[in-house]
């Protein structure tokens, strides 16, 4: 095996291992309610990530829209997608 092929194989293995070790949501718990002038009420959830960090996501429009943080930015229609984005 030549050096270029060995280097390429090593880089590929590194990229795969980094994606496996990325933080993922482990637990999602209801934390409370909030309200925003103009946008209405929302629900706050705490997300515990696999790397030990804790993040916040919020649910808007009667839990139809899920956003990272407490604002209507970086949103999804799926709770798990929002939690995964928060743990990145």
C-alpha atoms as a PDB file:
ATOM      1  CA  UNK A   1       0.000   0.000   0.000  1.00  0.00           C
ATOM      2  CA  UNK A   2       1.473   3.355  -0.957  1.00  0.00           C
ATOM      3  CA  UNK A   3       1.662   6.363   1.368  1.00  0.00           C
ATOM      4  CA  UNK A   4      -1.161   8.313  -0.319  1.00  0.00           C
ATOM      5  CA  UNK A   5      -3.629   5.454   0.018  1.00  0.00           C
ATOM      6  CA  UNK A   6      -2.606   4.905   3.650  1.00  0.00           C
ATOM      7  CA  UNK A   7      -3.038   8.637   4.382  1.00  0.00           C
ATOM      8  CA  UNK A   8      -6.472   8.680   2.697  1.00  0.00           C
ATOM      9  CA  UNK A   9      -7.577   5.631   4.685  1.00  0.00           C
ATOM     10  CA  UNK A  10      -6.443   7.284   7.921  1.00  0.00           C
ATOM     11  CA  UNK A  11      -8.311  10.515   7.157  1.00  0.00           C
ATOM     12  CA  UNK A  12     -11.473   8.586   6.330  1.00  0.00           C
ATOM     13  CA  UNK A  13     -11.276   6.656   9.593  1.00  0.00           C
ATOM     14  CA  UNK A  14     -10.768   9.890  11.535  1.00  0.00           C
ATOM     15  CA  UNK A  15     -13.818  11.525   9.940  1.00  0.00           C
ATOM     16  CA  UNK A  16     -16.001   8.519  10.720  1.00  0.00           C
ATOM     17  CA  UNK A  17     -14.839   8.383  14.335  1.00  0.00           C
ATOM     18  CA  UNK A  18     -15.493  12.114  14.841  1.00  0.00           C
ATOM     19  CA  UNK A  19     -19.087  11.760  13.665  1.00  0.00           C
ATOM     20  CA  UNK A  20     -19.615   8.839  16.040  1.00  0.00           C
ATOM     21  CA  UNK A  21     -18.265  10.828  19.004  1.00  0.00           C
ATOM     22  CA  UNK A  22     -20.419  13.904  18.355  1.00  0.00           C
ATOM     23  CA  UNK A  23     -22.633  14.844  21.290  1.00  0.00           C
ATOM     24  CA  UNK A  24     -26.180  13.512  21.087  1.00  0.00           C
ATOM     25  CA  UNK A  25     -29.249  14.220  23.223  1.00  0.00           C
ATOM     26  CA  UNK A  26     -29.698  11.745  26.074  1.00  0.00           C
ATOM     27  CA  UNK A  27     -32.609  13.250  27.981  1.00  0.00           C
ATOM     28  CA  UNK A  28     -35.250  15.932  27.335  1.00  0.00           C
ATOM     29  CA  UNK A  29     -37.223  17.344  30.280  1.00  0.00           C
ATOM     30  CA  UNK A  30     -39.938  19.975  30.547  1.00  0.00           C
ATOM     31  CA  UNK A  31     -38.680  23.045  32.434  1.00  0.00           C
ATOM     32  CA  UNK A  32     -41.492  25.619  32.281  1.00  0.00           C
ATOM     33  CA  UNK A  33     -43.382  28.207  30.257  1.00  0.00           C
ATOM     34  CA  UNK A  34     -42.336  31.528  28.856  1.00  0.00           C
ATOM     35  CA  UNK A  35     -43.933  34.330  26.901  1.00  0.00           C
ATOM     36  CA  UNK A  36     -42.657  36.696  24.284  1.00  0.00           C
ATOM     37  CA  UNK A  37     -44.181  40.006  23.261  1.00  0.00           C
ATOM     38  CA  UNK A  38     -45.634  39.505  19.807  1.00  0.00           C
ATOM     39  CA  UNK A  39     -44.748  35.815  19.432  1.00  0.00           C
ATOM     40  CA  UNK A  40     -46.941  34.426  22.197  1.00  0.00           C
ATOM     41  CA  UNK A  41     -46.213  31.723  24.717  1.00  0.00           C
ATOM     42  CA  UNK A  42     -43.663  28.954  24.433  1.00  0.00           C
ATOM     43  CA  UNK A  43     -42.545  25.939  26.451  1.00  0.00           C
ATOM     44  CA  UNK A  44     -38.981  25.449  27.679  1.00  0.00           C
ATOM     45  CA  UNK A  45     -37.221  22.071  27.731  1.00  0.00           C
ATOM     46  CA  UNK A  46     -33.788  21.149  29.080  1.00  0.00           C
ATOM     47  CA  UNK A  47     -31.677  18.786  26.976  1.00  0.00           C
ATOM     48  CA  UNK A  48     -28.899  16.707  28.551  1.00  0.00           C
ATOM     49  CA  UNK A  49     -26.247  15.864  25.965  1.00  0.00           C
ATOM     50  CA  UNK A  50     -23.942  12.839  25.869  1.00  0.00           C
ATOM     51  CA  UNK A  51     -20.887  15.053  26.460  1.00  0.00           C
ATOM     52  CA  UNK A  52     -22.326  16.174  29.828  1.00  0.00           C
ATOM     53  CA  UNK A  53     -23.489  19.613  28.718  1.00  0.00           C
ATOM     54  CA  UNK A  54     -27.014  20.928  29.212  1.00  0.00           C
ATOM     55  CA  UNK A  55     -28.823  22.931  26.547  1.00  0.00           C
ATOM     56  CA  UNK A  56     -32.240  24.575  26.171  1.00  0.00           C
ATOM     57  CA  UNK A  57     -34.805  24.113  23.418  1.00  0.00           C
ATOM     58  CA  UNK A  58     -38.230  25.720  23.172  1.00  0.00           C
ATOM     59  CA  UNK A  59     -41.566  24.661  21.712  1.00  0.00           C
ATOM     60  CA  UNK A  60     -43.733  27.207  19.909  1.00  0.00           C
ATOM     61  CA  UNK A  61     -47.138  27.160  18.183  1.00  0.00           C
ATOM     62  CA  UNK A  62     -48.642  24.535  20.527  1.00  0.00           C
ATOM     63  CA  UNK A  63     -45.508  22.358  20.275  1.00  0.00           C
ATOM     64  CA  UNK A  64     -45.516  22.280  16.466  1.00  0.00           C
ATOM     65  CA  UNK A  65     -42.266  24.252  16.104  1.00  0.00           C
ATOM     66  CA  UNK A  66     -39.118  23.341  18.083  1.00  0.00           C
ATOM     67  CA  UNK A  67     -36.240  25.821  18.339  1.00  0.00           C
ATOM     68  CA  UNK A  68     -32.737  25.869  19.791  1.00  0.00           C
ATOM     69  CA  UNK A  69     -32.696  28.296  22.725  1.00  0.00           C
ATOM     70  CA  UNK A  70     -35.606  30.520  23.701  1.00  0.00           C
ATOM     71  CA  UNK A  71     -36.060  32.353  20.407  1.00  0.00           C
ATOM     72  CA  UNK A  72     -37.717  31.450  17.125  1.00  0.00           C
ATOM     73  CA  UNK A  73     -34.387  31.018  15.328  1.00  0.00           C
ATOM     74  CA  UNK A  74     -32.840  27.737  14.192  1.00  0.00           C
ATOM     75  CA  UNK A  75     -36.155  25.864  14.311  1.00  0.00           C
ATOM     76  CA  UNK A  76     -37.483  22.504  13.192  1.00  0.00           C
ATOM     77  CA  UNK A  77     -40.805  20.682  13.133  1.00  0.00           C
ATOM     78  CA  UNK A  78     -39.286  17.835  15.154  1.00  0.00           C
ATOM     79  CA  UNK A  79     -38.272  17.880  18.834  1.00  0.00           C
ATOM     80  CA  UNK A  80     -35.421  15.406  18.354  1.00  0.00           C
ATOM     81  CA  UNK A  81     -33.932  17.374  15.453  1.00  0.00           C
ATOM     82  CA  UNK A  82     -33.899  20.547  17.567  1.00  0.00           C
ATOM     83  CA  UNK A  83     -32.301  18.654  20.465  1.00  0.00           C
ATOM     84  CA  UNK A  84     -29.607  17.207  18.180  1.00  0.00           C
ATOM     85  CA  UNK A  85     -28.856  20.669  16.809  1.00  0.00           C
ATOM     86  CA  UNK A  86     -28.588  22.058  20.352  1.00  0.00           C
ATOM     87  CA  UNK A  87     -26.090  19.352  21.348  1.00  0.00           C
ATOM     88  CA  UNK A  88     -23.781  20.007  18.372  1.00  0.00           C
END
